[in-house]
Protein backbone atom coordinates (compact mmCIF):
# COMPACT_ATOMS: atom_id res chain seq x y z
CA MET A 1 4.35 25.80 12.68
CA SER A 2 4.44 27.91 15.81
CA GLU A 3 8.21 27.49 16.24
CA LYS A 4 11.04 26.46 13.95
CA ALA A 5 11.31 22.69 14.23
CA THR A 6 14.41 20.85 13.01
CA TYR A 7 14.29 17.74 10.84
CA THR A 8 16.76 15.41 9.19
CA ILE A 9 15.45 13.45 6.23
CA LEU A 10 17.30 10.15 5.77
CA GLY A 11 17.11 9.19 2.11
CA ALA A 12 16.76 11.52 -0.87
CA GLY A 13 14.44 9.37 -2.94
CA ARG A 14 11.03 10.48 -4.12
CA SER A 15 9.33 10.41 -0.71
CA GLY A 16 12.36 11.90 1.06
CA LEU A 17 12.48 14.88 -1.29
CA ALA A 18 8.71 15.31 -1.09
CA VAL A 19 8.63 15.45 2.71
CA ALA A 20 11.68 17.74 2.71
CA ARG A 21 9.80 20.15 0.44
CA LEU A 22 6.64 19.93 2.56
CA LEU A 23 8.43 20.61 5.83
CA SER A 24 10.54 23.44 4.45
CA GLU A 25 7.46 25.13 2.99
CA GLU A 26 5.87 24.85 6.43
CA GLY A 27 8.79 26.77 7.92
CA ALA A 28 10.86 23.94 9.39
CA GLU A 29 14.65 23.71 9.29
CA VAL A 30 15.43 20.70 7.10
CA PHE A 31 18.64 18.77 6.45
CA VAL A 32 18.77 15.87 3.97
CA SER A 33 21.24 12.98 4.30
CA ASP A 34 21.71 10.18 1.78
CA ALA A 35 24.17 7.28 1.59
CA ARG A 36 24.51 7.38 -2.19
CA PRO A 37 27.57 9.16 -3.60
CA GLU A 38 27.17 12.66 -5.06
CA SER A 39 28.23 11.33 -8.47
CA GLU A 40 24.95 9.33 -8.62
CA SER A 41 22.73 12.06 -7.20
CA PHE A 42 22.85 15.04 -9.57
CA GLU A 43 19.08 15.18 -9.99
CA GLN A 44 18.44 15.08 -6.24
CA ILE A 45 21.09 17.71 -5.55
CA GLU A 46 19.56 20.02 -8.14
CA ILE A 47 16.17 19.78 -6.40
CA LEU A 48 17.69 20.39 -2.97
CA GLU A 49 19.61 23.41 -4.27
CA LEU A 50 16.39 24.85 -5.71
CA LEU A 51 14.69 24.32 -2.33
CA GLY A 52 17.61 25.99 -0.57
CA LEU A 53 18.16 23.05 1.77
CA ASP A 54 21.38 21.78 3.33
CA TYR A 55 22.35 18.23 2.45
CA GLU A 56 25.03 15.55 2.44
CA PHE A 57 25.63 12.55 0.19
CA GLY A 58 28.01 9.61 0.49
CA GLY A 59 27.03 8.67 4.06
CA HIS A 60 25.34 9.87 7.23
CA THR A 61 27.60 12.04 9.40
CA ASP A 62 26.98 13.38 12.90
CA ARG A 63 25.36 16.40 11.24
CA SER A 64 22.35 14.19 10.52
CA LEU A 65 21.87 13.69 14.28
CA ASP A 66 21.58 17.42 14.91
CA ALA A 67 17.77 17.53 14.72
CA GLU A 68 14.70 17.08 16.89
CA THR A 69 13.20 14.57 14.44
CA ILE A 70 14.64 12.12 11.93
CA VAL A 71 12.31 11.21 9.06
CA LEU A 72 13.05 7.85 7.42
CA SER A 73 12.54 7.10 3.76
CA PRO A 74 11.07 3.60 3.17
CA GLY A 75 14.25 2.06 1.73
CA VAL A 76 16.50 3.02 4.66
CA PRO A 77 17.35 -0.10 6.75
CA PRO A 78 16.30 0.32 10.41
CA SER A 79 19.59 -1.03 11.79
CA ILE A 80 22.10 1.40 10.26
CA PRO A 81 24.53 2.96 12.80
CA VAL A 82 23.15 6.50 12.56
CA LEU A 83 19.69 5.31 13.63
CA LEU A 84 21.07 3.27 16.51
CA GLU A 85 22.96 6.37 17.65
CA ALA A 86 19.83 8.51 17.27
CA GLU A 87 17.86 6.10 19.45
CA GLU A 88 20.55 6.24 22.12
CA ARG A 89 20.35 10.04 22.09
CA GLY A 90 16.56 9.99 22.32
CA VAL A 91 16.01 11.63 18.94
CA ARG A 92 12.48 11.17 17.62
CA ILE A 93 12.45 8.83 14.58
CA THR A 94 9.40 8.74 12.31
CA ASN A 95 8.57 8.45 8.62
CA GLU A 96 7.14 10.35 5.67
CA ILE A 97 3.64 8.89 6.04
CA GLU A 98 3.39 10.12 9.63
CA ILE A 99 4.61 13.62 8.77
CA ALA A 100 2.34 14.01 5.71
CA SER A 101 -0.72 12.85 7.64
CA CYS A 102 -0.34 15.86 9.98
CA PHE A 103 -1.08 18.16 7.03
CA CYS A 104 -3.94 16.16 5.47
CA ASP A 105 -7.63 16.95 6.06
CA GLY A 106 -9.00 14.24 3.76
CA THR A 107 -10.57 10.91 4.68
CA ILE A 108 -7.79 8.33 4.48
CA ILE A 109 -8.19 4.81 3.11
CA GLY A 110 -4.97 2.86 3.75
CA ILE A 111 -4.16 -0.36 1.89
CA THR A 112 -1.44 -2.80 2.84
CA GLY A 113 -0.57 -6.43 2.11
CA THR A 114 2.07 -8.45 0.31
CA ASN A 115 0.36 -8.41 -3.09
CA GLY A 116 -2.36 -6.37 -4.76
CA LYS A 117 -1.82 -3.06 -2.97
CA THR A 118 -1.31 -0.90 -6.05
CA THR A 119 -4.19 -2.43 -8.00
CA THR A 120 -6.56 -2.07 -5.05
CA ALA A 121 -5.47 1.50 -4.32
CA GLU A 122 -5.91 2.56 -7.95
CA LEU A 123 -9.22 0.69 -8.17
CA ILE A 124 -10.58 2.50 -5.09
CA GLY A 125 -9.44 5.84 -6.51
CA HIS A 126 -11.06 5.00 -9.86
CA ILE A 127 -14.40 4.07 -8.26
CA CYS A 128 -14.40 7.23 -6.13
CA ARG A 129 -13.68 9.47 -9.11
CA GLU A 130 -16.30 7.71 -11.26
CA ALA A 131 -18.75 8.43 -8.43
CA GLY A 132 -17.87 12.14 -8.56
CA LYS A 133 -15.72 12.29 -5.46
CA LYS A 134 -12.43 14.18 -5.20
CA ALA A 135 -9.88 11.41 -4.76
CA PHE A 136 -6.09 11.19 -4.52
CA VAL A 137 -4.02 7.99 -4.79
CA ALA A 138 -0.55 8.16 -3.23
CA GLY A 139 2.00 6.39 -1.05
CA ASN A 140 3.94 3.36 -2.24
CA VAL A 141 2.03 3.56 -5.54
CA GLY A 142 4.50 6.19 -6.78
CA THR A 143 3.21 9.63 -5.77
CA PRO A 144 4.49 10.46 -2.26
CA PHE A 145 1.81 11.26 0.31
CA SER A 146 3.66 14.51 1.09
CA THR A 147 3.10 15.70 -2.48
CA ILE A 148 -0.69 15.71 -2.19
CA ALA A 149 -1.33 15.98 1.57
CA ARG A 150 -2.17 19.69 1.64
CA GLN A 151 -4.31 19.49 -1.52
CA ALA A 152 -6.80 17.18 0.20
CA ASP A 153 -9.65 19.02 1.92
CA ALA A 154 -12.30 17.60 4.24
CA GLU A 155 -14.36 16.40 1.25
CA SER A 156 -11.46 14.48 -0.30
CA ILE A 157 -10.75 10.76 -0.24
CA VAL A 158 -7.03 9.99 0.09
CA VAL A 159 -6.15 6.43 -0.91
CA LEU A 160 -2.72 5.33 0.32
CA GLU A 161 -0.79 2.25 -0.71
CA LEU A 162 1.34 1.40 2.34
CA SER A 163 4.27 -0.99 2.51
CA SER A 164 5.35 -2.56 5.78
CA PHE A 165 8.40 -0.26 5.68
CA GLN A 166 6.12 2.79 5.62
CA LEU A 167 4.14 1.58 8.63
CA GLU A 168 7.05 0.75 10.94
CA ARG A 169 7.44 4.19 12.52
CA ILE A 170 3.93 5.64 12.51
CA GLU A 171 2.79 7.47 15.65
CA SER A 172 -0.59 9.17 15.14
CA PHE A 173 -1.33 8.20 11.52
CA HIS A 174 -5.04 7.36 11.44
CA PRO A 175 -6.77 5.86 8.40
CA HIS A 176 -10.58 5.88 8.56
CA VAL A 177 -10.51 2.67 6.50
CA ALA A 178 -7.68 0.11 6.77
CA VAL A 179 -7.47 -2.66 4.18
CA LEU A 180 -5.35 -5.77 4.78
CA LEU A 181 -5.16 -7.86 1.62
CA ASN A 182 -2.78 -10.71 2.45
CA VAL A 183 0.40 -11.62 4.30
CA THR A 184 2.73 -14.10 2.61
CA PRO A 185 6.54 -14.42 2.80
CA ASP A 186 8.27 -11.39 1.30
CA HIS A 187 11.12 -9.11 2.33
CA MET A 188 12.53 -11.93 4.42
CA ASP A 189 15.88 -10.26 3.85
CA ARG A 190 14.63 -7.47 6.16
CA TYR A 191 12.36 -9.31 8.61
CA GLU A 192 13.40 -12.29 10.73
CA SER A 193 10.07 -14.10 10.29
CA ILE A 194 6.66 -13.83 8.67
CA GLU A 195 5.29 -13.03 12.14
CA GLU A 196 7.47 -9.94 12.34
CA TYR A 197 6.57 -8.99 8.78
CA GLY A 198 2.83 -9.48 9.37
CA SER A 199 2.96 -7.54 12.62
CA ALA A 200 4.43 -4.60 10.71
CA LYS A 201 1.38 -4.72 8.41
CA LEU A 202 -0.96 -4.64 11.43
CA TRP A 203 0.49 -1.28 12.47
CA ILE A 204 -2.04 0.22 10.05
CA THR A 205 -4.74 -0.37 12.69
CA THR A 206 -2.85 1.14 15.63
CA ASN A 207 -4.74 4.43 15.89
CA GLN A 208 -8.13 3.36 14.59
CA ASP A 209 -11.17 3.68 16.85
CA GLU A 210 -14.81 2.54 16.97
CA SER A 211 -15.81 4.94 14.17
CA ASP A 212 -13.35 3.36 11.72
CA TRP A 213 -13.34 0.27 9.49
CA LEU A 214 -10.95 -2.67 9.12
CA ILE A 215 -11.33 -4.69 5.90
CA PHE A 216 -9.42 -7.96 5.70
CA ASN A 217 -9.09 -11.02 3.47
CA GLY A 218 -10.59 -13.92 5.40
CA ASP A 219 -9.19 -16.41 2.87
CA ASP A 220 -5.62 -15.47 3.76
CA LYS A 221 -3.99 -17.96 6.10
CA TRP A 222 -2.11 -15.35 8.16
CA LEU A 223 -4.94 -12.81 8.32
CA ARG A 224 -7.54 -15.28 9.59
CA ARG A 225 -6.31 -14.52 13.09
CA ILE A 226 -7.98 -11.10 12.85
CA LYS A 227 -11.32 -12.83 13.57
CA ASP A 228 -10.05 -13.80 17.03
CA MET A 229 -8.16 -10.61 17.87
CA GLU A 230 -9.41 -7.49 19.65
CA PHE A 231 -9.80 -4.45 17.41
CA LYS A 232 -11.60 -1.15 17.93
CA PRO A 233 -12.70 -0.57 14.31
CA GLU A 234 -15.68 -2.32 12.73
CA ARG A 235 -14.46 -5.40 10.84
CA LEU A 236 -15.50 -6.36 7.31
CA GLU A 237 -14.32 -9.66 5.82
CA CYS A 238 -13.69 -10.54 2.16
CA SER A 239 -13.94 -14.12 0.91
CA ILE A 240 -14.23 -15.83 -2.47
CA ARG A 241 -14.59 -19.22 -0.76
CA MET A 242 -17.44 -18.77 1.70
CA SER A 243 -20.28 -16.53 2.83
CA VAL A 244 -19.38 -14.03 5.57
CA GLU A 245 -21.40 -12.50 8.39
CA LYS A 246 -20.34 -8.98 7.48
CA GLY A 247 -18.34 -7.99 4.41
CA ALA A 248 -18.05 -9.22 0.80
CA PHE A 249 -18.53 -12.69 -0.68
CA LEU A 250 -19.75 -14.53 -3.78
CA ASP A 251 -23.42 -15.43 -4.15
CA ASN A 252 -24.16 -17.31 -7.40
CA GLU A 253 -20.96 -15.80 -8.85
CA ASN A 254 -22.09 -12.29 -7.95
CA LEU A 255 -19.93 -9.99 -5.84
CA THR A 256 -22.21 -9.41 -2.86
CA LEU A 257 -21.99 -7.05 0.11
CA ARG A 258 -23.48 -7.63 3.55
CA MET A 259 -22.89 -4.46 5.52
CA GLY A 260 -24.91 -5.15 8.64
CA LYS A 261 -27.96 -7.22 9.41
CA GLU A 262 -28.44 -10.64 7.81
CA ASP A 263 -31.06 -9.31 5.38
CA ASN A 264 -29.00 -6.25 4.38
CA VAL A 265 -27.48 -7.91 1.30
CA GLU A 266 -26.57 -6.11 -1.92
CA GLN A 267 -25.48 -7.84 -5.11
CA VAL A 268 -23.08 -5.42 -6.83
CA ILE A 269 -21.79 -7.09 -10.01
CA SER A 270 -21.29 -10.48 -11.63
CA ALA A 271 -17.70 -11.64 -11.09
CA SER A 272 -17.37 -12.24 -14.84
CA GLU A 273 -18.07 -8.54 -15.56
CA ILE A 274 -15.21 -7.19 -13.42
CA GLY A 275 -12.60 -5.53 -15.63
CA ILE A 276 -9.55 -7.27 -14.14
CA ARG A 277 -8.99 -11.02 -14.21
CA GLY A 278 -7.84 -13.59 -11.68
CA PRO A 279 -8.97 -14.84 -8.24
CA HIS A 280 -6.62 -12.44 -6.50
CA ASN A 281 -8.22 -9.51 -8.32
CA LEU A 282 -11.64 -10.73 -7.24
CA VAL A 283 -10.48 -10.33 -3.63
CA ASN A 284 -9.01 -6.92 -4.50
CA SER A 285 -12.35 -5.93 -6.06
CA MET A 286 -14.22 -7.03 -2.94
CA ALA A 287 -11.93 -4.94 -0.74
CA ALA A 288 -12.35 -1.94 -3.04
CA ALA A 289 -16.14 -2.36 -3.06
CA LEU A 290 -16.27 -2.43 0.74
CA ALA A 291 -13.88 0.51 1.16
CA THR A 292 -15.81 2.71 -1.25
CA ARG A 293 -19.18 1.65 0.18
CA VAL A 294 -18.28 2.81 3.69
CA VAL A 295 -17.20 6.23 2.39
CA GLY A 296 -20.56 6.75 0.70
CA VAL A 297 -20.34 5.36 -2.85
CA SER A 298 -23.52 3.67 -4.06
CA GLY A 299 -23.62 0.07 -5.19
CA ARG A 300 -24.48 1.18 -8.73
CA LYS A 301 -21.40 3.42 -8.96
CA ILE A 302 -19.21 0.68 -7.47
CA SER A 303 -20.49 -1.68 -10.16
CA GLU A 304 -19.72 0.83 -12.91
CA GLY A 305 -16.20 1.41 -11.55
CA LEU A 306 -15.43 -2.30 -11.24
CA ARG A 307 -16.63 -2.88 -14.78
CA SER A 308 -14.60 -0.05 -16.37
CA PHE A 309 -11.30 -0.49 -14.52
CA ARG A 310 -8.41 -2.14 -16.40
CA SER A 311 -5.14 -3.77 -15.35
CA LEU A 312 -2.26 -1.48 -14.47
CA PRO A 313 1.12 -1.56 -16.26
CA HIS A 314 3.23 -4.61 -15.33
CA ARG A 315 0.33 -6.28 -13.44
CA LEU A 316 -1.11 -9.06 -15.62
CA GLU A 317 -0.99 -6.45 -18.37
CA ASP A 318 -1.98 -7.59 -21.85
CA VAL A 319 0.90 -6.47 -24.09
CA ALA A 320 0.08 -8.01 -27.47
CA LEU A 321 -1.73 -10.79 -29.31
CA VAL A 322 0.52 -12.23 -32.03
CA ASN A 323 -0.55 -15.21 -34.19
CA GLY A 324 -3.09 -16.18 -31.55
CA VAL A 325 -0.56 -16.02 -28.68
CA ARG A 326 -1.28 -13.58 -25.83
CA TYR A 327 1.75 -11.86 -24.27
CA VAL A 328 1.25 -10.75 -20.65
CA ASN A 329 3.55 -8.53 -18.59
CA ASP A 330 3.40 -9.37 -14.87
CA SER A 331 6.81 -8.03 -13.91
CA LYS A 332 5.40 -6.50 -10.71
CA GLY A 333 4.76 -10.03 -9.46
CA THR A 334 7.95 -10.27 -7.41
CA ASN A 335 7.22 -13.11 -4.98
CA THR A 336 5.96 -16.69 -5.10
CA ASP A 337 2.42 -15.84 -4.03
CA ALA A 338 2.03 -13.29 -6.82
CA LEU A 339 3.22 -15.87 -9.35
CA ARG A 340 0.79 -18.51 -8.08
CA PHE A 341 -2.11 -16.09 -8.50
CA ALA A 342 -0.94 -15.13 -11.97
CA LEU A 343 -0.77 -18.79 -13.08
CA ALA A 344 -4.32 -19.32 -11.77
CA SER A 345 -5.64 -16.39 -13.82
CA PHE A 346 -5.47 -18.05 -17.24
CA GLU A 347 -7.10 -21.07 -18.85
CA GLU A 348 -4.76 -21.04 -21.86
CA PRO A 349 -1.48 -23.04 -21.90
CA ILE A 350 1.29 -20.90 -20.36
CA VAL A 351 4.93 -20.34 -21.25
CA LEU A 352 6.50 -18.74 -18.15
CA ILE A 353 9.53 -16.43 -18.17
CA ALA A 354 10.59 -15.67 -14.58
CA GLY A 355 13.58 -14.32 -12.70
CA GLY A 356 14.73 -11.76 -10.15
CA ARG A 357 15.98 -11.61 -6.58
CA ALA A 358 15.18 -14.49 -4.24
CA LYS A 359 14.33 -12.52 -1.05
CA LYS A 360 14.38 -15.86 0.82
CA ASN A 361 11.08 -17.06 -0.69
CA ASP A 362 10.14 -20.76 -0.52
CA TYR A 363 10.10 -21.87 -4.15
CA SER A 364 8.80 -25.35 -3.35
CA GLU A 365 5.34 -23.71 -3.24
CA LEU A 366 5.58 -23.24 -7.00
CA LEU A 367 6.26 -26.88 -7.92
CA ARG A 368 2.61 -27.92 -8.15
CA PRO A 369 1.17 -24.84 -9.94
CA VAL A 370 4.08 -24.79 -12.42
CA ARG A 371 3.71 -28.53 -13.09
CA GLU A 372 -0.05 -28.13 -13.60
CA ARG A 373 -0.23 -24.84 -15.48
CA VAL A 374 3.05 -24.23 -17.34
């Protein structure tokens, strides 16, 4: 940096600490503020001490406003008093994804949606690596973008799982490929409506231009509107229900890509050969196939990657087979839509164990699939 910029990081979680480290190593003056008490933050404090950074725990004081830029961690609510005060003072407010992107030279593939983000991100990374490309998978998937941003050179593919929270404050963040998987009610304890929630997802397209790609699930009720909206990037549609003019669809149960002209059709793999089960994962596989195709992976390598990929921990994960009974861990399925897809992924009789936080979901949607499948 040409001059010493000042930053406050709100939230000392994984991404907050990662962006604090990145900025301090780039010569910025960094202060970290977290609402959790010091008694619950020994690990974070140890890291901050090693980095030589100033910090506060137990609340956000006026010291946190003494910066040119405030960087939000994803879990920080947007309506807390310190942010309202910062906006009144005209302090720039952004997030970790925006900051990290300024230090990244790789080609970015961004994935967002209510369900399937982690699986699709890891699947894209897997296909790229199997094809011999240098690929990083980061973001909401667990590894902060700031941790790997500077490692990615111009030949690298950077696959980012992006929550709506991580997209709310982007400014110049520019994915070459944006993937929108689905928008169904979730986080209704943070957003006033599904329209507000879905609009936050669409922020991923804000800085895309005519040289970029937008991949979307045409079977999703909320995302269908993308067909009638104005976008600069080239659009590619995924559907397991119908043929599409440009994108991915099923042809005689084969995952098929149509990238341009009507006759430019490529059958990639039989749906039954894909390594992850369920109709939702068929859509995820289509999105991954399209995303990797546009960054130069051949159809043969895509087929190999789709065939060899396996379910991630806690996502329709086979745990054991005992006395002929299969035990499946789907504890990452934390909303009604995820549960509906999970129930549709098995032919066997199901015993369902479910629980968790409500998040203002509409549970009447589950009556029919539970009655039919459980």
